[in-house]
Amino acid sequence: MAEPASLIMLQFLAWVADRPRTYGETMEAWRSTCPRLSVWEDAIIDGLVRIDNGAGRAVVLTARGRKILRNGAEAPAV
């Protein structure tokens, strides 16, 4: 069974989904030098977000990222 998404990952995915985000804006808001808080890197590695190659270099959720966000939002509060 897959491990549920962390709260910080769900927050990141919701932030990306909220409105169009550029790569620069995402890096400014979510880049971290702390290896224990690598939400941006984890999202890329896990295929939850991607960077469009267009002029704006938009950061967008993948189908997998949308599914994780939807499932996380539907999870009962603990």
N, C-alpha and C. Protein backbone atom coordinates (compact mmCIF):
# COMPACT_ATOMS: atom_id res chain seq x y z
N MET A 1 0.85 -1.18 0.00
CA MET A 1 0.00 0.00 0.00
C MET A 1 0.89 1.23 0.00
N ALA A 2 0.56 2.19 -0.81
CA ALA A 2 1.34 3.43 -0.91
C ALA A 2 1.12 4.29 0.34
N GLU A 3 2.19 4.96 0.74
CA GLU A 3 2.12 5.87 1.89
C GLU A 3 1.31 7.11 1.51
N PRO A 4 0.43 7.57 2.41
CA PRO A 4 -0.35 8.78 2.08
C PRO A 4 0.56 9.99 1.93
N ALA A 5 0.10 10.95 1.15
CA ALA A 5 0.88 12.17 0.93
C ALA A 5 0.98 12.95 2.24
N SER A 6 2.14 13.55 2.45
CA SER A 6 2.33 14.37 3.65
C SER A 6 1.50 15.65 3.53
N LEU A 7 1.26 16.27 4.65
CA LEU A 7 0.51 17.52 4.66
C LEU A 7 1.24 18.59 3.84
N ILE A 8 2.56 18.68 3.98
CA ILE A 8 3.31 19.69 3.22
C ILE A 8 3.21 19.42 1.72
N MET A 9 3.19 18.16 1.31
CA MET A 9 3.05 17.84 -0.12
C MET A 9 1.65 18.25 -0.60
N LEU A 10 0.63 17.96 0.20
CA LEU A 10 -0.73 18.36 -0.18
C LEU A 10 -0.84 19.89 -0.27
N GLN A 11 -0.18 20.59 0.64
CA GLN A 11 -0.17 22.06 0.59
C GLN A 11 0.52 22.56 -0.67
N PHE A 12 1.63 21.94 -1.02
CA PHE A 12 2.35 22.33 -2.23
C PHE A 12 1.48 22.08 -3.47
N LEU A 13 0.88 20.90 -3.56
CA LEU A 13 0.05 20.58 -4.72
C LEU A 13 -1.15 21.53 -4.81
N ALA A 14 -1.75 21.85 -3.69
CA ALA A 14 -2.88 22.80 -3.69
C ALA A 14 -2.41 24.18 -4.13
N TRP A 15 -1.21 24.58 -3.71
CA TRP A 15 -0.65 25.87 -4.10
C TRP A 15 -0.44 25.93 -5.61
N VAL A 16 0.11 24.86 -6.18
CA VAL A 16 0.32 24.80 -7.63
C VAL A 16 -1.02 24.83 -8.36
N ALA A 17 -2.00 24.10 -7.84
CA ALA A 17 -3.30 23.99 -8.50
C ALA A 17 -4.13 25.27 -8.39
N ASP A 18 -3.84 26.10 -7.42
CA ASP A 18 -4.64 27.29 -7.14
C ASP A 18 -4.71 28.26 -8.32
N ARG A 19 -3.59 28.48 -8.99
CA ARG A 19 -3.55 29.38 -10.15
C ARG A 19 -2.27 29.11 -10.92
N PRO A 20 -2.14 29.63 -12.12
CA PRO A 20 -0.91 29.40 -12.87
C PRO A 20 0.32 29.90 -12.10
N ARG A 21 1.35 29.07 -12.06
CA ARG A 21 2.60 29.40 -11.36
C ARG A 21 3.77 29.24 -12.32
N THR A 22 4.71 30.17 -12.26
CA THR A 22 5.92 30.04 -13.07
C THR A 22 6.97 29.27 -12.29
N TYR A 23 7.96 28.78 -13.01
CA TYR A 23 9.07 28.09 -12.37
C TYR A 23 9.76 29.02 -11.37
N GLY A 24 10.02 30.26 -11.77
CA GLY A 24 10.68 31.22 -10.88
C GLY A 24 9.89 31.48 -9.61
N GLU A 25 8.59 31.66 -9.77
CA GLU A 25 7.73 31.89 -8.60
C GLU A 25 7.73 30.67 -7.68
N THR A 26 7.71 29.49 -8.26
CA THR A 26 7.71 28.26 -7.47
C THR A 26 9.03 28.11 -6.72
N MET A 27 10.13 28.38 -7.39
CA MET A 27 11.43 28.27 -6.73
C MET A 27 11.56 29.27 -5.59
N GLU A 28 11.07 30.47 -5.80
CA GLU A 28 11.15 31.48 -4.76
C GLU A 28 10.34 31.07 -3.53
N ALA A 29 9.19 30.47 -3.76
CA ALA A 29 8.31 30.12 -2.65
C ALA A 29 8.64 28.78 -1.99
N TRP A 30 9.17 27.81 -2.76
CA TRP A 30 9.27 26.45 -2.24
C TRP A 30 10.67 25.85 -2.22
N ARG A 31 11.66 26.53 -2.72
CA ARG A 31 13.01 25.95 -2.70
C ARG A 31 13.49 25.86 -1.26
N SER A 32 14.21 24.80 -0.96
CA SER A 32 14.73 24.61 0.40
C SER A 32 16.12 24.00 0.32
N THR A 33 16.98 24.42 1.21
CA THR A 33 18.31 23.80 1.32
C THR A 33 18.31 22.71 2.38
N CYS A 34 17.18 22.52 3.02
CA CYS A 34 17.07 21.50 4.06
C CYS A 34 16.70 20.16 3.42
N PRO A 35 17.54 19.14 3.56
CA PRO A 35 17.23 17.85 2.93
C PRO A 35 15.98 17.17 3.51
N ARG A 36 15.53 17.62 4.66
CA ARG A 36 14.32 17.03 5.25
C ARG A 36 13.05 17.72 4.77
N LEU A 37 13.18 18.81 4.05
CA LEU A 37 12.02 19.54 3.55
C LEU A 37 12.22 19.79 2.05
N SER A 38 12.14 18.73 1.30
CA SER A 38 12.43 18.82 -0.14
C SER A 38 11.16 18.61 -0.96
N VAL A 39 10.10 19.29 -0.59
CA VAL A 39 8.80 19.06 -1.23
C VAL A 39 8.86 19.28 -2.74
N TRP A 40 9.57 20.31 -3.19
CA TRP A 40 9.68 20.56 -4.63
C TRP A 40 10.37 19.40 -5.33
N GLU A 41 11.53 18.99 -4.80
CA GLU A 41 12.27 17.90 -5.41
C GLU A 41 11.48 16.60 -5.38
N ASP A 42 10.82 16.33 -4.26
CA ASP A 42 10.02 15.12 -4.13
C ASP A 42 8.87 15.11 -5.14
N ALA A 43 8.23 16.25 -5.34
CA ALA A 43 7.11 16.33 -6.27
C ALA A 43 7.57 16.07 -7.71
N ILE A 44 8.74 16.58 -8.06
CA ILE A 44 9.28 16.33 -9.41
C ILE A 44 9.63 14.85 -9.57
N ILE A 45 10.37 14.31 -8.60
CA ILE A 45 10.81 12.91 -8.66
C ILE A 45 9.62 11.96 -8.71
N ASP A 46 8.58 12.26 -7.93
CA ASP A 46 7.41 11.39 -7.87
C ASP A 46 6.43 11.60 -9.04
N GLY A 47 6.75 12.54 -9.94
CA GLY A 47 5.90 12.78 -11.10
C GLY A 47 4.58 13.45 -10.76
N LEU A 48 4.58 14.30 -9.72
CA LEU A 48 3.35 14.98 -9.31
C LEU A 48 3.20 16.34 -9.98
N VAL A 49 4.31 16.94 -10.38
CA VAL A 49 4.30 18.21 -11.11
C VAL A 49 5.27 18.10 -12.27
N ARG A 50 5.09 19.00 -13.22
CA ARG A 50 6.03 19.08 -14.35
C ARG A 50 6.20 20.54 -14.72
N ILE A 51 7.27 20.81 -15.45
CA ILE A 51 7.56 22.17 -15.91
C ILE A 51 7.31 22.20 -17.41
N ASP A 52 6.39 23.05 -17.84
CA ASP A 52 6.14 23.22 -19.27
C ASP A 52 7.34 23.91 -19.91
N ASN A 53 7.57 23.61 -21.17
CA ASN A 53 8.70 24.20 -21.88
C ASN A 53 8.34 25.51 -22.57
N GLY A 54 7.15 26.02 -22.37
CA GLY A 54 6.73 27.26 -23.00
C GLY A 54 7.50 28.45 -22.45
N ALA A 55 7.21 29.61 -22.97
CA ALA A 55 7.92 30.83 -22.60
C ALA A 55 7.82 31.13 -21.11
N GLY A 56 6.66 30.85 -20.48
CA GLY A 56 6.48 31.14 -19.07
C GLY A 56 7.02 30.07 -18.14
N ARG A 57 7.41 28.92 -18.72
CA ARG A 57 7.87 27.78 -17.92
C ARG A 57 6.94 27.52 -16.74
N ALA A 58 5.69 27.27 -17.05
CA ALA A 58 4.68 27.04 -16.03
C ALA A 58 4.93 25.73 -15.30
N VAL A 59 4.66 25.73 -14.01
CA VAL A 59 4.69 24.52 -13.19
C VAL A 59 3.24 24.08 -13.07
N VAL A 60 2.97 22.84 -13.46
CA VAL A 60 1.60 22.33 -13.46
C VAL A 60 1.54 20.94 -12.83
N LEU A 61 0.37 20.61 -12.31
CA LEU A 61 0.16 19.28 -11.77
C LEU A 61 0.05 18.27 -12.90
N THR A 62 0.56 17.09 -12.68
CA THR A 62 0.35 15.99 -13.61
C THR A 62 -0.96 15.31 -13.21
N ALA A 63 -1.38 14.35 -14.00
CA ALA A 63 -2.59 13.59 -13.65
C ALA A 63 -2.40 12.91 -12.30
N ARG A 64 -1.22 12.39 -12.06
CA ARG A 64 -0.92 11.75 -10.76
C ARG A 64 -0.99 12.78 -9.62
N GLY A 65 -0.47 13.96 -9.85
CA GLY A 65 -0.51 15.01 -8.84
C GLY A 65 -1.93 15.42 -8.52
N ARG A 66 -2.78 15.53 -9.55
CA ARG A 66 -4.19 15.88 -9.33
C ARG A 66 -4.89 14.79 -8.53
N LYS A 67 -4.57 13.53 -8.82
CA LYS A 67 -5.18 12.42 -8.10
C LYS A 67 -4.75 12.42 -6.63
N ILE A 68 -3.47 12.63 -6.36
CA ILE A 68 -2.97 12.69 -4.98
C ILE A 68 -3.66 13.83 -4.23
N LEU A 69 -3.76 14.99 -4.86
CA LEU A 69 -4.40 16.14 -4.23
C LEU A 69 -5.87 15.85 -3.94
N ARG A 70 -6.56 15.29 -4.90
CA ARG A 70 -7.98 14.97 -4.73
C ARG A 70 -8.16 13.94 -3.60
N ASN A 71 -7.36 12.88 -3.60
CA ASN A 71 -7.46 11.84 -2.57
C ASN A 71 -7.09 12.39 -1.20
N GLY A 72 -6.11 13.27 -1.14
CA GLY A 72 -5.71 13.86 0.13
C GLY A 72 -6.78 14.77 0.68
N ALA A 73 -7.46 15.48 -0.19
CA ALA A 73 -8.52 16.39 0.23
C ALA A 73 -9.73 15.60 0.73
N GLU A 74 -9.90 14.38 0.24
CA GLU A 74 -11.05 13.56 0.63
C GLU A 74 -10.76 12.72 1.86
N ALA A 75 -9.48 12.66 2.29
CA ALA A 75 -9.12 11.82 3.44
C ALA A 75 -9.76 12.36 4.71
N PRO A 76 -10.22 11.46 5.58
CA PRO A 76 -10.82 11.93 6.83
C PRO A 76 -9.75 12.55 7.74
N ALA A 77 -10.13 13.54 8.51
CA ALA A 77 -9.21 14.17 9.46
C ALA A 77 -8.90 13.19 10.58
N VAL A 78 -7.66 13.19 11.00
CA VAL A 78 -7.22 12.28 12.08
C VAL A 78 -7.13 13.02 13.37
